[in-house]
C-alpha atoms as a PDB file:
ATOM      1  CA  MET A   1      82.103  55.070   7.343  1.00  0.00           C
ATOM      2  CA  ASN A   2      84.468  57.487   9.280  1.00  0.00           C
ATOM      3  CA  GLN A   3      87.290  55.712  10.971  1.00  0.00           C
ATOM      4  CA  SER A   4      87.062  57.874  14.003  1.00  0.00           C
ATOM      5  CA  GLU A   5      83.497  56.210  14.572  1.00  0.00           C
ATOM      6  CA  TYR A   6      85.543  53.010  15.515  1.00  0.00           C
ATOM      7  CA  ILE A   7      87.883  51.955  18.436  1.00  0.00           C
ATOM      8  CA  ASN A   8      90.397  49.321  18.721  1.00  0.00           C
ATOM      9  CA  LEU A   9      91.236  47.769  21.998  1.00  0.00           C
ATOM     10  CA  PRO A  10      93.257  44.736  23.193  1.00  0.00           C
ATOM     11  CA  PHE A  11      91.194  41.558  23.273  1.00  0.00           C
ATOM     12  CA  CYS A  12      91.798  38.698  25.829  1.00  0.00           C
ATOM     13  CA  ARG A  13      90.554  35.224  25.451  1.00  0.00           C
ATOM     14  CA  PRO A  14      89.812  33.299  28.736  1.00  0.00           C
ATOM     15  CA  GLY A  15      91.194  29.837  28.601  1.00  0.00           C
ATOM     16  CA  ILE A  16      91.555  27.042  31.053  1.00  0.00           C
ATOM     17  CA  ARG A  17      88.725  27.106  33.593  1.00  0.00           C
ATOM     18  CA  LYS A  18      89.150  26.701  37.497  1.00  0.00           C
ATOM     19  CA  ALA A  19      87.124  26.307  40.445  1.00  0.00           C
ATOM     20  CA  HIS A  20      84.365  28.689  41.506  1.00  0.00           C
ATOM     21  CA  SER A  21      83.974  30.112  38.010  1.00  0.00           C
ATOM     22  CA  GLY A  22      87.763  31.094  37.832  1.00  0.00           C
ATOM     23  CA  PHE A  23      89.842  31.151  34.771  1.00  0.00           C
ATOM     24  CA  LEU A  24      93.103  31.649  33.096  1.00  0.00           C
ATOM     25  CA  PHE A  25      93.779  33.894  29.933  1.00  0.00           C
ATOM     26  CA  GLN A  26      95.189  32.471  26.910  1.00  0.00           C
ATOM     27  CA  ASP A  27      98.335  34.073  25.570  1.00  0.00           C
ATOM     28  CA  THR A  28      96.979  36.256  22.593  1.00  0.00           C
ATOM     29  CA  ASN A  29      97.596  39.075  20.542  1.00  0.00           C
ATOM     30  CA  GLN A  30      94.287  40.112  19.403  1.00  0.00           C
ATOM     31  CA  THR A  31      92.299  43.295  19.131  1.00  0.00           C
ATOM     32  CA  ILE A  32      88.584  44.182  18.930  1.00  0.00           C
ATOM     33  CA  ARG A  33      87.145  46.574  16.447  1.00  0.00           C
ATOM     34  CA  VAL A  34      83.729  48.303  17.519  1.00  0.00           C
ATOM     35  CA  ARG A  35      81.763  51.295  16.892  1.00  0.00           C
ATOM     36  CA  ARG A  36      82.377  53.836  19.669  1.00  0.00           C
ATOM     37  CA  GLU A  37      78.919  54.131  20.691  1.00  0.00           C
ATOM     38  CA  HIS A  38      78.614  50.235  21.152  1.00  0.00           C
ATOM     39  CA  ILE A  39      81.340  50.138  23.826  1.00  0.00           C
ATOM     40  CA  PRO A  40      81.436  51.847  27.426  1.00  0.00           C
ATOM     41  CA  LYS A  41      83.258  54.923  27.598  1.00  0.00           C
ATOM     42  CA  ASP A  42      86.970  54.910  29.028  1.00  0.00           C
ATOM     43  CA  SER A  43      87.296  51.112  28.090  1.00  0.00           C
ATOM     44  CA  ASP A  44      90.785  49.701  28.050  1.00  0.00           C
ATOM     45  CA  PHE A  45      90.628  46.188  27.062  1.00  0.00           C
ATOM     46  CA  CYS A  46      87.867  43.588  26.371  1.00  0.00           C
ATOM     47  CA  PHE A  47      87.174  39.796  26.658  1.00  0.00           C
ATOM     48  CA  ARG A  48      84.563  37.317  26.102  1.00  0.00           C
ATOM     49  CA  VAL A  49      82.489  35.351  28.866  1.00  0.00           C
ATOM     50  CA  LEU A  50      82.678  31.574  27.847  1.00  0.00           C
ATOM     51  CA  ILE A  51      80.440  30.334  30.630  1.00  0.00           C
ATOM     52  CA  ASP A  52      76.971  30.919  31.906  1.00  0.00           C
ATOM     53  CA  ARG A  53      77.970  31.029  35.552  1.00  0.00           C
ATOM     54  CA  TYR A  54      77.344  34.752  35.629  1.00  0.00           C
ATOM     55  CA  GLN A  55      73.761  34.933  35.044  1.00  0.00           C
ATOM     56  CA  PRO A  56      71.840  36.990  35.211  1.00  0.00           C
ATOM     57  CA  VAL A  57      74.427  39.770  35.066  1.00  0.00           C
ATOM     58  CA  PHE A  58      76.272  38.404  32.205  1.00  0.00           C
ATOM     59  CA  GLN A  59      75.458  35.980  29.514  1.00  0.00           C
ATOM     60  CA  LYS A  60      77.731  33.306  27.794  1.00  0.00           C
ATOM     61  CA  ASN A  61      79.383  35.025  24.872  1.00  0.00           C
ATOM     62  CA  ASP A  62      78.814  38.590  26.202  1.00  0.00           C
ATOM     63  CA  ILE A  63      81.982  40.835  25.324  1.00  0.00           C
ATOM     64  CA  MET A  64      83.109  42.593  28.508  1.00  0.00           C
ATOM     65  CA  ALA A  65      84.788  46.065  28.534  1.00  0.00           C
ATOM     66  CA  VAL A  66      87.090  46.711  31.334  1.00  0.00           C
ATOM     67  CA  GLN A  67      88.758  49.751  32.584  1.00  0.00           C
ATOM     68  CA  ARG A  68      92.139  49.534  34.183  1.00  0.00           C
ATOM     69  CA  ILE A  69      91.224  50.916  37.594  1.00  0.00           C
ATOM     70  CA  ASN A  70      90.404  49.324  41.017  1.00  0.00           C
ATOM     71  CA  ALA A  71      86.799  48.316  41.601  1.00  0.00           C
ATOM     72  CA  SER A  72      85.233  50.056  44.696  1.00  0.00           C
ATOM     73  CA  HIS A  73      82.871  48.339  47.092  1.00  0.00           C
ATOM     74  CA  ASN A  74      79.991  46.698  45.373  1.00  0.00           C
ATOM     75  CA  GLU A  75      81.483  47.124  41.988  1.00  0.00           C
ATOM     76  CA  ILE A  76      82.040  44.230  39.788  1.00  0.00           C
ATOM     77  CA  GLY A  77      85.688  43.998  38.760  1.00  0.00           C
ATOM     78  CA  LEU A  78      88.128  41.464  37.080  1.00  0.00           C
ATOM     79  CA  PHE A  79      90.229  40.213  40.042  1.00  0.00           C
ATOM     80  CA  TRP A  80      93.526  38.130  40.221  1.00  0.00           C
ATOM     81  CA  PHE A  81      93.553  35.867  43.398  1.00  0.00           C
ATOM     82  CA  ASN A  82      95.972  33.017  44.070  1.00  0.00           C
ATOM     83  CA  GLY A  83      96.859  32.747  40.414  1.00  0.00           C
ATOM     84  CA  ILE A  84      93.309  32.824  38.916  1.00  0.00           C
ATOM     85  CA  TYR A  85      90.941  35.318  37.522  1.00  0.00           C
ATOM     86  CA  TYR A  86      87.517  35.920  38.571  1.00  0.00           C
ATOM     87  CA  ILE A  87      84.665  38.207  37.744  1.00  0.00           C
ATOM     88  CA  ARG A  88      83.216  39.254  40.844  1.00  0.00           C
ATOM     89  CA  ILE A  89      81.569  42.078  43.072  1.00  0.00           C
ATOM     90  CA  LEU A  90      84.202  43.384  45.595  1.00  0.00           C
ATOM     91  CA  SER A  91      82.846  43.582  49.147  1.00  0.00           C
ATOM     92  CA  GLN A  92      84.927  45.523  51.814  1.00  0.00           C
ATOM     93  CA  GLU A  93      83.607  45.578  55.429  1.00  0.00           C
ATOM     94  CA  GLY A  94      86.312  46.766  57.683  1.00  0.00           C
ATOM     95  CA  SER A  95      89.295  44.734  57.212  1.00  0.00           C
ATOM     96  CA  ILE A  96      87.403  41.902  55.515  1.00  0.00           C
ATOM     97  CA  ARG A  97      87.392  41.525  51.888  1.00  0.00           C
ATOM     98  CA  ARG A  98      85.157  39.405  50.061  1.00  0.00           C
ATOM     99  CA  LEU A  99      84.773  38.482  46.368  1.00  0.00           C
ATOM    100  CA  ARG A 100      81.088  38.052  46.072  1.00  0.00           C
ATOM    101  CA  SER A 101      79.773  35.577  43.447  1.00  0.00           C
ATOM    102  CA  LEU A 102      77.490  36.987  40.620  1.00  0.00           C
ATOM    103  CA  ASN A 103      75.226  33.762  41.000  1.00  0.00           C
ATOM    104  CA  VAL A 104      74.077  31.491  43.817  1.00  0.00           C
ATOM    105  CA  ILE A 105      75.920  28.521  42.413  1.00  0.00           C
ATOM    106  CA  ASP A 106      79.523  29.472  43.428  1.00  0.00           C
ATOM    107  CA  PRO A 107      80.542  30.532  46.938  1.00  0.00           C
ATOM    108  CA  ASP A 108      81.978  33.954  47.848  1.00  0.00           C
ATOM    109  CA  ILE A 109      85.696  34.259  48.251  1.00  0.00           C
ATOM    110  CA  VAL A 110      87.056  35.530  51.591  1.00  0.00           C
ATOM    111  CA  VAL A 111      90.354  37.312  51.081  1.00  0.00           C
ATOM    112  CA  ASN A 112      92.640  36.791  54.219  1.00  0.00           C
ATOM    113  CA  GLU A 113      94.721  40.007  55.120  1.00  0.00           C
ATOM    114  CA  GLN A 114      97.862  38.012  54.325  1.00  0.00           C
ATOM    115  CA  GLU A 115      96.714  36.926  50.772  1.00  0.00           C
ATOM    116  CA  GLN A 116      97.267  38.955  47.652  1.00  0.00           C
ATOM    117  CA  LEU A 117      94.240  40.314  45.622  1.00  0.00           C
ATOM    118  CA  GLN A 118      94.939  42.364  42.657  1.00  0.00           C
ATOM    119  CA  CYS A 119      92.033  44.236  40.901  1.00  0.00           C
ATOM    120  CA  ILE A 120      92.805  44.070  37.084  1.00  0.00           C
ATOM    121  CA  GLY A 121      90.226  46.272  36.238  1.00  0.00           C
ATOM    122  CA  LYS A 122      86.458  47.519  36.988  1.00  0.00           C
ATOM    123  CA  ILE A 123      84.137  45.919  34.454  1.00  0.00           C
ATOM    124  CA  LEU A 124      82.289  49.039  32.827  1.00  0.00           C
ATOM    125  CA  GLY A 125      79.453  46.641  31.065  1.00  0.00           C
ATOM    126  CA  LYS A 126      78.891  44.993  27.733  1.00  0.00           C
ATOM    127  CA  VAL A 127      80.011  45.618  24.235  1.00  0.00           C
ATOM    128  CA  TYR A 128      77.028  45.979  22.032  1.00  0.00           C
ATOM    129  CA  GLY A 129      76.318  45.997  18.240  1.00  0.00           C
ATOM    130  CA  SER A 130      78.714  44.138  15.742  1.00  0.00           C
ATOM    131  CA  TYR A 131      82.359  43.995  16.247  1.00  0.00           C
ATOM    132  CA  GLU A 132      85.413  42.363  14.616  1.00  0.00           C
ATOM    133  CA  ILE A 133      88.157  40.320  16.555  1.00  0.00           C
ATOM    134  CA  CYS A 134      91.456  40.374  14.586  1.00  0.00           C
ATOM    135  CA  GLY A 135      94.674  38.934  15.235  1.00  0.00           C
ATOM    136  CA  THR A 136      96.348  35.645  16.349  1.00  0.00           C
ATOM    137  CA  CYS A 137      95.805  33.202  19.001  1.00  0.00           C
ATOM    138  CA  GLU A 138      98.428  30.603  19.816  1.00  0.00           C
ATOM    139  CA  GLU A 139      95.934  27.762  20.164  1.00  0.00           C
ATOM    140  CA  ASP A 140      92.274  27.490  21.726  1.00  0.00           C
ATOM    141  CA  GLU A 141      92.666  26.243  25.080  1.00  0.00           C
ATOM    142  CA  THR A 142      88.931  26.538  26.174  1.00  0.00           C
ATOM    143  CA  ILE A 143      87.812  23.723  27.949  1.00  0.00           C
ATOM    144  CA  PRO A 144      84.108  22.617  27.559  1.00  0.00           C
ATOM    145  CA  GLU A 145      82.041  23.328  30.698  1.00  0.00           C
ATOM    146  CA  HIS A 146      81.911  19.496  31.748  1.00  0.00           C
ATOM    147  CA  GLU A 147      85.636  19.318  31.814  1.00  0.00           C
ATOM    148  CA  ILE A 148      86.308  21.877  34.525  1.00  0.00           C
ATOM    149  CA  GLU A 149      89.661  21.412  36.208  1.00  0.00           C
ATOM    150  CA  ILE A 150      88.962  21.806  39.980  1.00  0.00           C
ATOM    151  CA  GLN A 151      91.929  22.764  42.188  1.00  0.00           C
END
């Protein structure tokens, strides 16, 4: 097979889970190798969904492809808010910013004007087909769903 048919991108691993489907990323040095036709165009990095709290949009173990651009109103993005990462839909109504949950279980997060919200990237979609994850991971900090740390 032709090497140009494949793409290698940084791969991040979610680790410790927080309240409202938030999480932290593990310190890893990994890459994902996947066929170009199985990943959304303009993807900059990928990560795996480790919980089922994003259904019906995303399933547990889906690999998300992210582009390092800001998500717009009503787009799904990867956000950093109060030291925690979230997969949410950005809603902007005037000066009110809200991170809308992808499910009915978790409440939306209202972001006050004085609070810092950073969009890490826009989620372009899922990686399909076969892939290979290469590299090192310091240790697996993944916590089972029944052991969520609530803050």
